[in-house]
C-alpha atoms as a PDB file:
ATOM      1  CA  UNK A   1     144.250 -61.349-216.820  1.00  0.00           C
ATOM      2  CA  UNK A   2     144.517 -59.828-220.283  1.00  0.00           C
ATOM      3  CA  UNK A   3     145.930 -61.047-222.518  1.00  0.00           C
ATOM      4  CA  UNK A   4     145.312 -64.586-221.255  1.00  0.00           C
ATOM      5  CA  UNK A   5     148.660 -66.267-220.693  1.00  0.00           C
ATOM      6  CA  UNK A   6     149.950 -68.966-218.367  1.00  0.00           C
ATOM      7  CA  UNK A   7     153.136 -67.274-217.169  1.00  0.00           C
ATOM      8  CA  UNK A   8     154.143 -69.354-214.137  1.00  0.00           C
ATOM      9  CA  UNK A   9     153.100 -72.304-211.995  1.00  0.00           C
ATOM     10  CA  UNK A  10     154.065 -73.250-208.437  1.00  0.00           C
ATOM     11  CA  UNK A  11     153.343 -76.758-207.157  1.00  0.00           C
ATOM     12  CA  UNK A  12     152.930 -76.775-203.365  1.00  0.00           C
ATOM     13  CA  UNK A  13     152.357 -80.584-203.371  1.00  0.00           C
ATOM     14  CA  UNK A  14     149.384 -80.148-200.988  1.00  0.00           C
ATOM     15  CA  UNK A  15     146.262 -78.023-200.625  1.00  0.00           C
ATOM     16  CA  UNK A  16     146.067 -74.231-200.845  1.00  0.00           C
ATOM     17  CA  UNK A  17     142.497 -73.028-200.298  1.00  0.00           C
ATOM     18  CA  UNK A  18     143.118 -69.311-200.716  1.00  0.00           C
ATOM     19  CA  UNK A  19     145.768 -67.245-202.521  1.00  0.00           C
ATOM     20  CA  UNK A  20     145.666 -63.437-202.519  1.00  0.00           C
ATOM     21  CA  UNK A  21     148.231 -61.413-204.479  1.00  0.00           C
ATOM     22  CA  UNK A  22     149.564 -58.009-203.425  1.00  0.00           C
ATOM     23  CA  UNK A  23     148.893 -56.197-206.700  1.00  0.00           C
ATOM     24  CA  UNK A  24     151.176 -57.846-209.307  1.00  0.00           C
ATOM     25  CA  UNK A  25     154.046 -58.425-206.916  1.00  0.00           C
ATOM     26  CA  UNK A  26     155.740 -61.579-205.680  1.00  0.00           C
ATOM     27  CA  UNK A  27     153.993 -61.296-202.278  1.00  0.00           C
ATOM     28  CA  UNK A  28     151.062 -63.649-201.676  1.00  0.00           C
ATOM     29  CA  UNK A  29     148.808 -64.369-198.724  1.00  0.00           C
ATOM     30  CA  UNK A  30     148.161 -68.126-198.563  1.00  0.00           C
ATOM     31  CA  UNK A  31     145.673 -70.147-196.523  1.00  0.00           C
ATOM     32  CA  UNK A  32     145.633 -73.935-196.528  1.00  0.00           C
ATOM     33  CA  UNK A  33     142.675 -75.918-197.822  1.00  0.00           C
ATOM     34  CA  UNK A  34     141.524 -79.194-199.322  1.00  0.00           C
ATOM     35  CA  UNK A  35     141.925 -82.725-198.024  1.00  0.00           C
ATOM     36  CA  UNK A  36     145.650 -82.267-197.281  1.00  0.00           C
ATOM     37  CA  UNK A  37     146.153 -78.562-196.537  1.00  0.00           C
ATOM     38  CA  UNK A  38     149.632 -77.154-197.002  1.00  0.00           C
ATOM     39  CA  UNK A  39     149.073 -74.768-194.093  1.00  0.00           C
ATOM     40  CA  UNK A  40     146.537 -74.821-191.231  1.00  0.00           C
ATOM     41  CA  UNK A  41     143.232 -73.204-192.289  1.00  0.00           C
ATOM     42  CA  UNK A  42     143.401 -70.897-189.251  1.00  0.00           C
ATOM     43  CA  UNK A  43     146.679 -69.320-190.408  1.00  0.00           C
ATOM     44  CA  UNK A  44     147.606 -66.703-192.996  1.00  0.00           C
ATOM     45  CA  UNK A  45     151.032 -67.234-194.524  1.00  0.00           C
ATOM     46  CA  UNK A  46     152.671 -64.232-196.182  1.00  0.00           C
ATOM     47  CA  UNK A  47     154.731 -65.819-198.933  1.00  0.00           C
ATOM     48  CA  UNK A  48     157.529 -64.247-200.975  1.00  0.00           C
ATOM     49  CA  UNK A  49     157.463 -66.263-204.182  1.00  0.00           C
ATOM     50  CA  UNK A  50     160.755 -64.763-205.391  1.00  0.00           C
ATOM     51  CA  UNK A  51     162.572 -66.036-202.311  1.00  0.00           C
ATOM     52  CA  UNK A  52     160.245 -69.071-202.107  1.00  0.00           C
ATOM     53  CA  UNK A  53     159.761 -68.707-198.368  1.00  0.00           C
ATOM     54  CA  UNK A  54     157.377 -67.529-195.680  1.00  0.00           C
ATOM     55  CA  UNK A  55     158.061 -63.942-194.572  1.00  0.00           C
ATOM     56  CA  UNK A  56     155.241 -63.606-192.067  1.00  0.00           C
ATOM     57  CA  UNK A  57     152.523 -65.597-190.317  1.00  0.00           C
ATOM     58  CA  UNK A  58     149.254 -64.746-188.584  1.00  0.00           C
ATOM     59  CA  UNK A  59     147.385 -67.297-186.446  1.00  0.00           C
ATOM     60  CA  UNK A  60     143.769 -67.259-185.276  1.00  0.00           C
ATOM     61  CA  UNK A  61     141.433 -69.330-183.112  1.00  0.00           C
ATOM     62  CA  UNK A  62     139.079 -70.121-186.031  1.00  0.00           C
ATOM     63  CA  UNK A  63     139.381 -70.706-189.769  1.00  0.00           C
ATOM     64  CA  UNK A  64     140.251 -67.825-192.056  1.00  0.00           C
ATOM     65  CA  UNK A  65     137.405 -66.941-194.472  1.00  0.00           C
ATOM     66  CA  UNK A  66     139.091 -64.201-196.496  1.00  0.00           C
ATOM     67  CA  UNK A  67     142.225 -62.074-196.899  1.00  0.00           C
ATOM     68  CA  UNK A  68     142.669 -58.632-198.508  1.00  0.00           C
ATOM     69  CA  UNK A  69     145.984 -56.912-199.197  1.00  0.00           C
ATOM     70  CA  UNK A  70     147.140 -53.433-200.108  1.00  0.00           C
ATOM     71  CA  UNK A  71     150.518 -51.720-199.863  1.00  0.00           C
ATOM     72  CA  UNK A  72     150.016 -50.735-196.210  1.00  0.00           C
ATOM     73  CA  UNK A  73     147.423 -53.181-194.832  1.00  0.00           C
ATOM     74  CA  UNK A  74     146.657 -56.863-194.331  1.00  0.00           C
ATOM     75  CA  UNK A  75     142.987 -57.566-193.610  1.00  0.00           C
ATOM     76  CA  UNK A  76     141.982 -61.004-192.339  1.00  0.00           C
ATOM     77  CA  UNK A  77     138.333 -62.039-192.274  1.00  0.00           C
ATOM     78  CA  UNK A  78     137.001 -64.651-189.833  1.00  0.00           C
ATOM     79  CA  UNK A  79     133.362 -65.692-189.673  1.00  0.00           C
ATOM     80  CA  UNK A  80     132.409 -63.072-187.096  1.00  0.00           C
ATOM     81  CA  UNK A  81     135.439 -60.818-186.769  1.00  0.00           C
ATOM     82  CA  UNK A  82     137.861 -58.854-188.949  1.00  0.00           C
ATOM     83  CA  UNK A  83     141.486 -58.032-188.097  1.00  0.00           C
ATOM     84  CA  UNK A  84     143.471 -55.193-189.689  1.00  0.00           C
ATOM     85  CA  UNK A  85     147.288 -55.266-189.610  1.00  0.00           C
ATOM     86  CA  UNK A  86     150.073 -52.999-190.755  1.00  0.00           C
ATOM     87  CA  UNK A  87     151.771 -54.883-193.574  1.00  0.00           C
ATOM     88  CA  UNK A  88     155.330 -53.765-192.800  1.00  0.00           C
ATOM     89  CA  UNK A  89     155.563 -55.329-189.327  1.00  0.00           C
ATOM     90  CA  UNK A  90     152.180 -57.108-188.920  1.00  0.00           C
ATOM     91  CA  UNK A  91     151.246 -54.831-186.042  1.00  0.00           C
ATOM     92  CA  UNK A  92     147.558 -55.179-185.150  1.00  0.00           C
ATOM     93  CA  UNK A  93     145.796 -51.871-185.902  1.00  0.00           C
ATOM     94  CA  UNK A  94     142.109 -52.646-185.393  1.00  0.00           C
ATOM     95  CA  UNK A  95     139.482 -55.348-184.977  1.00  0.00           C
ATOM     96  CA  UNK A  96     135.733 -55.304-185.587  1.00  0.00           C
ATOM     97  CA  UNK A  97     132.876 -57.715-185.047  1.00  0.00           C
ATOM     98  CA  UNK A  98     130.545 -58.582-187.933  1.00  0.00           C
ATOM     99  CA  UNK A  99     127.339 -60.430-188.672  1.00  0.00           C
ATOM    100  CA  UNK A 100     127.908 -64.106-189.537  1.00  0.00           C
ATOM    101  CA  UNK A 101     130.216 -63.970-192.569  1.00  0.00           C
ATOM    102  CA  UNK A 102     131.036 -67.496-193.777  1.00  0.00           C
ATOM    103  CA  UNK A 103     131.859 -66.203-197.281  1.00  0.00           C
ATOM    104  CA  UNK A 104     134.574 -63.888-195.954  1.00  0.00           C
ATOM    105  CA  UNK A 105     132.942 -60.803-197.491  1.00  0.00           C
ATOM    106  CA  UNK A 106     135.094 -57.688-197.388  1.00  0.00           C
ATOM    107  CA  UNK A 107     136.139 -54.885-199.728  1.00  0.00           C
ATOM    108  CA  UNK A 108     139.400 -52.933-199.435  1.00  0.00           C
ATOM    109  CA  UNK A 109     140.311 -49.987-201.665  1.00  0.00           C
ATOM    110  CA  UNK A 110     143.532 -50.515-203.595  1.00  0.00           C
ATOM    111  CA  UNK A 111     144.714 -46.900-203.751  1.00  0.00           C
ATOM    112  CA  UNK A 112     144.301 -43.504-202.059  1.00  0.00           C
ATOM    113  CA  UNK A 113     142.508 -43.654-198.683  1.00  0.00           C
ATOM    114  CA  UNK A 114     142.292 -47.066-197.016  1.00  0.00           C
ATOM    115  CA  UNK A 115     138.534 -47.699-197.096  1.00  0.00           C
ATOM    116  CA  UNK A 116     137.222 -51.060-195.888  1.00  0.00           C
ATOM    117  CA  UNK A 117     133.674 -52.360-196.390  1.00  0.00           C
ATOM    118  CA  UNK A 118     132.297 -55.333-194.471  1.00  0.00           C
ATOM    119  CA  UNK A 119     129.045 -56.670-193.022  1.00  0.00           C
ATOM    120  CA  UNK A 120     128.065 -54.859-189.823  1.00  0.00           C
ATOM    121  CA  UNK A 121     126.789 -56.613-186.700  1.00  0.00           C
ATOM    122  CA  UNK A 122     123.147 -56.373-187.819  1.00  0.00           C
ATOM    123  CA  UNK A 123     121.646 -58.339-190.697  1.00  0.00           C
ATOM    124  CA  UNK A 124     121.502 -56.359-193.928  1.00  0.00           C
ATOM    125  CA  UNK A 125     123.800 -53.581-192.662  1.00  0.00           C
ATOM    126  CA  UNK A 126     127.277 -52.755-193.898  1.00  0.00           C
ATOM    127  CA  UNK A 127     130.081 -50.972-192.094  1.00  0.00           C
ATOM    128  CA  UNK A 128     132.184 -48.447-194.044  1.00  0.00           C
ATOM    129  CA  UNK A 129     135.541 -47.901-192.357  1.00  0.00           C
ATOM    130  CA  UNK A 130     138.111 -45.215-193.086  1.00  0.00           C
ATOM    131  CA  UNK A 131     141.226 -46.928-191.760  1.00  0.00           C
ATOM    132  CA  UNK A 132     143.320 -43.740-192.088  1.00  0.00           C
ATOM    133  CA  UNK A 133     141.087 -41.615-189.838  1.00  0.00           C
ATOM    134  CA  UNK A 134     139.832 -44.541-187.732  1.00  0.00           C
ATOM    135  CA  UNK A 135     136.202 -43.537-188.332  1.00  0.00           C
ATOM    136  CA  UNK A 136     133.250 -45.533-189.605  1.00  0.00           C
ATOM    137  CA  UNK A 137     129.586 -45.310-190.578  1.00  0.00           C
ATOM    138  CA  UNK A 138     126.874 -47.959-190.557  1.00  0.00           C
ATOM    139  CA  UNK A 139     124.467 -48.248-193.481  1.00  0.00           C
ATOM    140  CA  UNK A 140     121.347 -50.329-193.953  1.00  0.00           C
ATOM    141  CA  UNK A 141     121.961 -51.829-197.394  1.00  0.00           C
ATOM    142  CA  UNK A 142     119.315 -54.581-197.613  1.00  0.00           C
ATOM    143  CA  UNK A 143     116.505 -56.188-195.660  1.00  0.00           C
ATOM    144  CA  UNK A 144     118.089 -59.656-195.849  1.00  0.00           C
ATOM    145  CA  UNK A 145     121.657 -60.839-195.255  1.00  0.00           C
ATOM    146  CA  UNK A 146     124.512 -59.442-197.367  1.00  0.00           C
ATOM    147  CA  UNK A 147     125.846 -61.960-199.899  1.00  0.00           C
ATOM    148  CA  UNK A 148     128.323 -59.904-201.940  1.00  0.00           C
ATOM    149  CA  UNK A 149     130.429 -56.774-201.384  1.00  0.00           C
ATOM    150  CA  UNK A 150     132.899 -54.874-203.518  1.00  0.00           C
ATOM    151  CA  UNK A 151     134.543 -51.449-203.553  1.00  0.00           C
ATOM    152  CA  UNK A 152     135.801 -49.198-206.343  1.00  0.00           C
ATOM    153  CA  UNK A 153     139.560 -48.903-206.761  1.00  0.00           C
ATOM    154  CA  UNK A 154     139.626 -45.335-205.438  1.00  0.00           C
ATOM    155  CA  UNK A 155     137.406 -46.292-202.489  1.00  0.00           C
ATOM    156  CA  UNK A 156     134.701 -43.716-203.268  1.00  0.00           C
ATOM    157  CA  UNK A 157     131.910 -46.185-204.108  1.00  0.00           C
ATOM    158  CA  UNK A 158     130.884 -49.587-202.809  1.00  0.00           C
ATOM    159  CA  UNK A 159     128.350 -52.108-204.098  1.00  0.00           C
ATOM    160  CA  UNK A 160     126.348 -54.714-202.222  1.00  0.00           C
ATOM    161  CA  UNK A 161     123.900 -57.522-202.944  1.00  0.00           C
ATOM    162  CA  UNK A 162     121.729 -59.548-200.603  1.00  0.00           C
ATOM    163  CA  UNK A 163     121.028 -63.265-200.534  1.00  0.00           C
ATOM    164  CA  UNK A 164     117.925 -62.616-202.657  1.00  0.00           C
ATOM    165  CA  UNK A 165     120.218 -61.681-205.541  1.00  0.00           C
ATOM    166  CA  UNK A 166     117.784 -59.422-207.367  1.00  0.00           C
ATOM    167  CA  UNK A 167     119.219 -55.976-206.583  1.00  0.00           C
ATOM    168  CA  UNK A 168     122.673 -54.416-206.389  1.00  0.00           C
ATOM    169  CA  UNK A 169     122.950 -51.144-204.512  1.00  0.00           C
ATOM    170  CA  UNK A 170     125.707 -48.552-204.966  1.00  0.00           C
ATOM    171  CA  UNK A 171     126.666 -46.359-201.993  1.00  0.00           C
ATOM    172  CA  UNK A 172     128.989 -43.428-201.458  1.00  0.00           C
ATOM    173  CA  UNK A 173     131.643 -44.461-198.937  1.00  0.00           C
ATOM    174  CA  UNK A 174     132.021 -40.883-197.680  1.00  0.00           C
ATOM    175  CA  UNK A 175     128.409 -40.426-196.558  1.00  0.00           C
ATOM    176  CA  UNK A 176     126.844 -43.870-196.956  1.00  0.00           C
ATOM    177  CA  UNK A 177     124.313 -42.372-199.366  1.00  0.00           C
ATOM    178  CA  UNK A 178     122.480 -44.622-201.845  1.00  0.00           C
ATOM    179  CA  UNK A 179     123.668 -43.512-205.286  1.00  0.00           C
ATOM    180  CA  UNK A 180     122.111 -46.081-207.585  1.00  0.00           C
ATOM    181  CA  UNK A 181     120.018 -49.243-207.567  1.00  0.00           C
ATOM    182  CA  UNK A 182     120.614 -51.908-210.207  1.00  0.00           C
ATOM    183  CA  UNK A 183     118.371 -54.864-211.002  1.00  0.00           C
ATOM    184  CA  UNK A 184     119.966 -58.164-211.998  1.00  0.00           C
ATOM    185  CA  UNK A 185     116.586 -59.821-212.450  1.00  0.00           C
ATOM    186  CA  UNK A 186     113.302 -60.592-210.751  1.00  0.00           C
ATOM    187  CA  UNK A 187     114.003 -64.183-209.658  1.00  0.00           C
ATOM    188  CA  UNK A 188     116.195 -65.236-206.741  1.00  0.00           C
ATOM    189  CA  UNK A 189     119.874 -65.817-207.551  1.00  0.00           C
ATOM    190  CA  UNK A 190     123.248 -66.248-205.902  1.00  0.00           C
ATOM    191  CA  UNK A 191     125.370 -63.247-206.916  1.00  0.00           C
ATOM    192  CA  UNK A 192     128.905 -64.580-206.749  1.00  0.00           C
ATOM    193  CA  UNK A 193     130.927 -61.586-207.930  1.00  0.00           C
ATOM    194  CA  UNK A 194     130.590 -57.809-208.377  1.00  0.00           C
ATOM    195  CA  UNK A 195     133.274 -55.621-209.944  1.00  0.00           C
ATOM    196  CA  UNK A 196     133.787 -51.935-210.782  1.00  0.00           C
ATOM    197  CA  UNK A 197     135.890 -50.896-213.751  1.00  0.00           C
ATOM    198  CA  UNK A 198     138.910 -48.692-213.084  1.00  0.00           C
ATOM    199  CA  UNK A 199     137.054 -45.430-213.714  1.00  0.00           C
ATOM    200  CA  UNK A 200     133.858 -46.463-211.860  1.00  0.00           C
ATOM    201  CA  UNK A 201     131.779 -45.875-215.003  1.00  0.00           C
ATOM    202  CA  UNK A 202     130.728 -49.520-215.297  1.00  0.00           C
ATOM    203  CA  UNK A 203     129.856 -52.358-212.944  1.00  0.00           C
ATOM    204  CA  UNK A 204     129.584 -56.068-213.744  1.00  0.00           C
ATOM    205  CA  UNK A 205     128.161 -58.985-211.797  1.00  0.00           C
ATOM    206  CA  UNK A 206     127.920 -62.755-212.124  1.00  0.00           C
ATOM    207  CA  UNK A 207     125.409 -65.159-210.617  1.00  0.00           C
ATOM    208  CA  UNK A 208     124.385 -68.809-210.726  1.00  0.00           C
ATOM    209  CA  UNK A 209     121.890 -67.967-213.486  1.00  0.00           C
ATOM    210  CA  UNK A 210     124.565 -68.062-216.196  1.00  0.00           C
ATOM    211  CA  UNK A 211     124.317 -64.429-217.333  1.00  0.00           C
ATOM    212  CA  UNK A 212     126.991 -61.806-216.712  1.00  0.00           C
ATOM    213  CA  UNK A 213     125.431 -58.337-216.456  1.00  0.00           C
ATOM    214  CA  UNK A 214     127.163 -55.022-217.192  1.00  0.00           C
ATOM    215  CA  UNK A 215     125.580 -51.822-215.817  1.00  0.00           C
ATOM    216  CA  UNK A 216     126.219 -48.176-216.623  1.00  0.00           C
ATOM    217  CA  UNK A 217     127.232 -46.036-213.641  1.00  0.00           C
ATOM    218  CA  UNK A 218     127.236 -42.673-215.409  1.00  0.00           C
ATOM    219  CA  UNK A 219     126.341 -39.657-213.270  1.00  0.00           C
ATOM    220  CA  UNK A 220     123.019 -39.211-215.073  1.00  0.00           C
ATOM    221  CA  UNK A 221     121.781 -42.618-213.896  1.00  0.00           C
ATOM    222  CA  UNK A 222     121.524 -41.837-210.183  1.00  0.00           C
ATOM    223  CA  UNK A 223     118.442 -43.245-208.517  1.00  0.00           C
ATOM    224  CA  UNK A 224     116.971 -40.197-206.768  1.00  0.00           C
ATOM    225  CA  UNK A 225     113.276 -40.140-207.543  1.00  0.00           C
ATOM    226  CA  UNK A 226     111.888 -37.774-204.922  1.00  0.00           C
ATOM    227  CA  UNK A 227     110.879 -35.045-207.374  1.00  0.00           C
ATOM    228  CA  UNK A 228     109.870 -37.294-210.255  1.00  0.00           C
ATOM    229  CA  UNK A 229     112.374 -35.663-212.603  1.00  0.00           C
ATOM    230  CA  UNK A 230     114.261 -37.559-215.290  1.00  0.00           C
ATOM    231  CA  UNK A 231     117.574 -36.764-216.914  1.00  0.00           C
ATOM    232  CA  UNK A 232     118.216 -36.429-220.620  1.00  0.00           C
ATOM    233  CA  UNK A 233     120.204 -39.634-220.481  1.00  0.00           C
ATOM    234  CA  UNK A 234     117.271 -41.435-218.891  1.00  0.00           C
ATOM    235  CA  UNK A 235     114.898 -40.258-221.611  1.00  0.00           C
ATOM    236  CA  UNK A 236     117.014 -41.941-224.257  1.00  0.00           C
ATOM    237  CA  UNK A 237     117.816 -45.051-222.211  1.00  0.00           C
ATOM    238  CA  UNK A 238     115.912 -47.920-223.861  1.00  0.00           C
ATOM    239  CA  UNK A 239     115.948 -49.909-220.621  1.00  0.00           C
ATOM    240  CA  UNK A 240     113.904 -47.237-218.847  1.00  0.00           C
ATOM    241  CA  UNK A 241     110.602 -48.070-220.540  1.00  0.00           C
ATOM    242  CA  UNK A 242     108.916 -48.306-217.127  1.00  0.00           C
ATOM    243  CA  UNK A 243     110.306 -45.018-215.823  1.00  0.00           C
ATOM    244  CA  UNK A 244     106.803 -43.580-215.425  1.00  0.00           C
ATOM    245  CA  UNK A 245     106.246 -46.119-212.615  1.00  0.00           C
ATOM    246  CA  UNK A 246     109.281 -45.179-210.544  1.00  0.00           C
ATOM    247  CA  UNK A 247     108.448 -43.826-207.122  1.00  0.00           C
ATOM    248  CA  UNK A 248     105.147 -45.746-207.244  1.00  0.00           C
ATOM    249  CA  UNK A 249     106.399 -49.331-207.386  1.00  0.00           C
ATOM    250  CA  UNK A 250     110.035 -49.901-206.262  1.00  0.00           C
ATOM    251  CA  UNK A 251     110.458 -52.648-208.886  1.00  0.00           C
ATOM    252  CA  UNK A 252     110.441 -50.003-211.623  1.00  0.00           C
ATOM    253  CA  UNK A 253     112.830 -47.649-209.831  1.00  0.00           C
ATOM    254  CA  UNK A 254     115.893 -49.843-210.371  1.00  0.00           C
ATOM    255  CA  UNK A 255     117.927 -49.944-213.565  1.00  0.00           C
ATOM    256  CA  UNK A 256     118.386 -53.031-215.701  1.00  0.00           C
ATOM    257  CA  UNK A 257     121.692 -54.110-217.175  1.00  0.00           C
ATOM    258  CA  UNK A 258     123.138 -52.344-220.206  1.00  0.00           C
ATOM    259  CA  UNK A 259     124.979 -55.372-221.656  1.00  0.00           C
ATOM    260  CA  UNK A 260     124.936 -59.136-221.072  1.00  0.00           C
ATOM    261  CA  UNK A 261     127.146 -62.174-221.632  1.00  0.00           C
ATOM    262  CA  UNK A 262     125.597 -65.616-221.422  1.00  0.00           C
ATOM    263  CA  UNK A 263     127.748 -68.503-220.239  1.00  0.00           C
ATOM    264  CA  UNK A 264     126.896 -72.019-218.975  1.00  0.00           C
ATOM    265  CA  UNK A 265     125.532 -71.931-215.425  1.00  0.00           C
ATOM    266  CA  UNK A 266     128.544 -71.973-213.144  1.00  0.00           C
ATOM    267  CA  UNK A 267     129.835 -70.010-210.188  1.00  0.00           C
ATOM    268  CA  UNK A 268     132.247 -67.422-211.557  1.00  0.00           C
ATOM    269  CA  UNK A 269     134.063 -64.142-210.925  1.00  0.00           C
ATOM    270  CA  UNK A 270     134.205 -61.117-213.213  1.00  0.00           C
ATOM    271  CA  UNK A 271     136.619 -58.237-213.797  1.00  0.00           C
ATOM    272  CA  UNK A 272     137.158 -55.561-216.414  1.00  0.00           C
ATOM    273  CA  UNK A 273     140.002 -55.554-218.919  1.00  0.00           C
ATOM    274  CA  UNK A 274     142.432 -52.680-219.556  1.00  0.00           C
ATOM    275  CA  UNK A 275     140.981 -49.130-219.573  1.00  0.00           C
ATOM    276  CA  UNK A 276     141.438 -48.721-223.345  1.00  0.00           C
ATOM    277  CA  UNK A 277     139.374 -51.864-224.060  1.00  0.00           C
ATOM    278  CA  UNK A 278     135.685 -52.453-223.345  1.00  0.00           C
ATOM    279  CA  UNK A 279     136.405 -55.975-222.170  1.00  0.00           C
ATOM    280  CA  UNK A 280     135.060 -58.083-219.353  1.00  0.00           C
ATOM    281  CA  UNK A 281     136.934 -61.143-218.119  1.00  0.00           C
ATOM    282  CA  UNK A 282     135.068 -64.038-216.532  1.00  0.00           C
ATOM    283  CA  UNK A 283     136.701 -67.006-214.793  1.00  0.00           C
ATOM    284  CA  UNK A 284     134.512 -69.916-213.695  1.00  0.00           C
ATOM    285  CA  UNK A 285     135.067 -72.270-210.796  1.00  0.00           C
ATOM    286  CA  UNK A 286     135.231 -75.225-213.189  1.00  0.00           C
ATOM    287  CA  UNK A 287     138.263 -73.719-214.903  1.00  0.00           C
ATOM    288  CA  UNK A 288     137.032 -71.717-217.894  1.00  0.00           C
ATOM    289  CA  UNK A 289     138.226 -68.284-219.018  1.00  0.00           C
ATOM    290  CA  UNK A 290     136.012 -65.968-221.070  1.00  0.00           C
ATOM    291  CA  UNK A 291     136.988 -62.672-222.671  1.00  0.00           C
ATOM    292  CA  UNK A 292     134.138 -60.600-224.101  1.00  0.00           C
ATOM    293  CA  UNK A 293     133.645 -57.102-225.490  1.00  0.00           C
ATOM    294  CA  UNK A 294     130.629 -54.869-224.852  1.00  0.00           C
ATOM    295  CA  UNK A 295     129.503 -51.927-226.983  1.00  0.00           C
ATOM    296  CA  UNK A 296     129.437 -48.769-224.831  1.00  0.00           C
ATOM    297  CA  UNK A 297     126.892 -47.094-227.153  1.00  0.00           C
ATOM    298  CA  UNK A 298     124.349 -49.799-227.942  1.00  0.00           C
ATOM    299  CA  UNK A 299     124.835 -52.383-225.171  1.00  0.00           C
ATOM    300  CA  UNK A 300     122.999 -55.681-225.642  1.00  0.00           C
ATOM    301  CA  UNK A 301     124.781 -58.988-226.110  1.00  0.00           C
ATOM    302  CA  UNK A 302     128.539 -58.941-225.556  1.00  0.00           C
ATOM    303  CA  UNK A 303     130.806 -60.250-228.309  1.00  0.00           C
ATOM    304  CA  UNK A 304     132.752 -63.280-227.103  1.00  0.00           C
ATOM    305  CA  UNK A 305     136.418 -62.778-227.988  1.00  0.00           C
ATOM    306  CA  UNK A 306     137.963 -65.833-226.338  1.00  0.00           C
ATOM    307  CA  UNK A 307     136.942 -68.957-224.455  1.00  0.00           C
ATOM    308  CA  UNK A 308     139.589 -71.211-222.958  1.00  0.00           C
ATOM    309  CA  UNK A 309     139.711 -74.146-220.538  1.00  0.00           C
ATOM    310  CA  UNK A 310     142.717 -73.539-218.289  1.00  0.00           C
ATOM    311  CA  UNK A 311     142.106 -76.242-215.652  1.00  0.00           C
ATOM    312  CA  UNK A 312     141.566 -79.885-216.497  1.00  0.00           C
ATOM    313  CA  UNK A 313     143.200 -79.844-219.913  1.00  0.00           C
ATOM    314  CA  UNK A 314     146.708 -79.554-221.276  1.00  0.00           C
ATOM    315  CA  UNK A 315     147.061 -76.060-222.711  1.00  0.00           C
END
């Protein structure tokens, strides 16, 4: 969050493996975890933290791998199946089978149309679902298995990465069309987190390599190289020094990151700060919080604004 502030703590006296918040409300979806789980790992508990009680419960035959919430939907991800419920009465609306999904990968738009992205039944494919019209399309995103998925807030774009971790691909959710291809690096990596900013002008990702990358998603950066043309923006983009090779060698067709933040190697998640600030927020699994600013004109190294240990120390 921004600004960083410890506003409230709730001690459940036993393990919670997953906690998903419905926007910034008092409604949480909880799944038990750890050595002494508070709740069974095959159950989703809808918890009202204002009333301090369970207001709904969903049970499954296998462990829950992920949960997504929005004002009208609860989405529960199992390893090979996804369930979609109406949030008001927990009525089951739809189910779909997926490729093996132990990471619980799923993206759900937070406003406008209810668009859901998940792995399809075939390796490297994604399924783009419009939950309002009950229609879907299948898209081949990568040759290898999908390792990360996210969706823009308005549900118009989605981003995927494979277990190779070198490329991130941006697709239109309306047509499944490839809009842009971004290159994190040339060596294999585990991409742990991908995030769009609110306006879908920027995308950030984290990996186990210790560098957070920020990419430009401006309209002039679309990766359509059939006619060999280049935009004015491309001509002045200093990262496009190999643009003359695009269409010949795929390696040179993808775009490199615009800005970077280097942190100690650790699994982490990334998000963007408020729309009026060019901030990225990074939280690591070992309990560190980073706030950094990137220059939207020059890019390059981000300026670290704050670094704080919020787990493992008295704050």
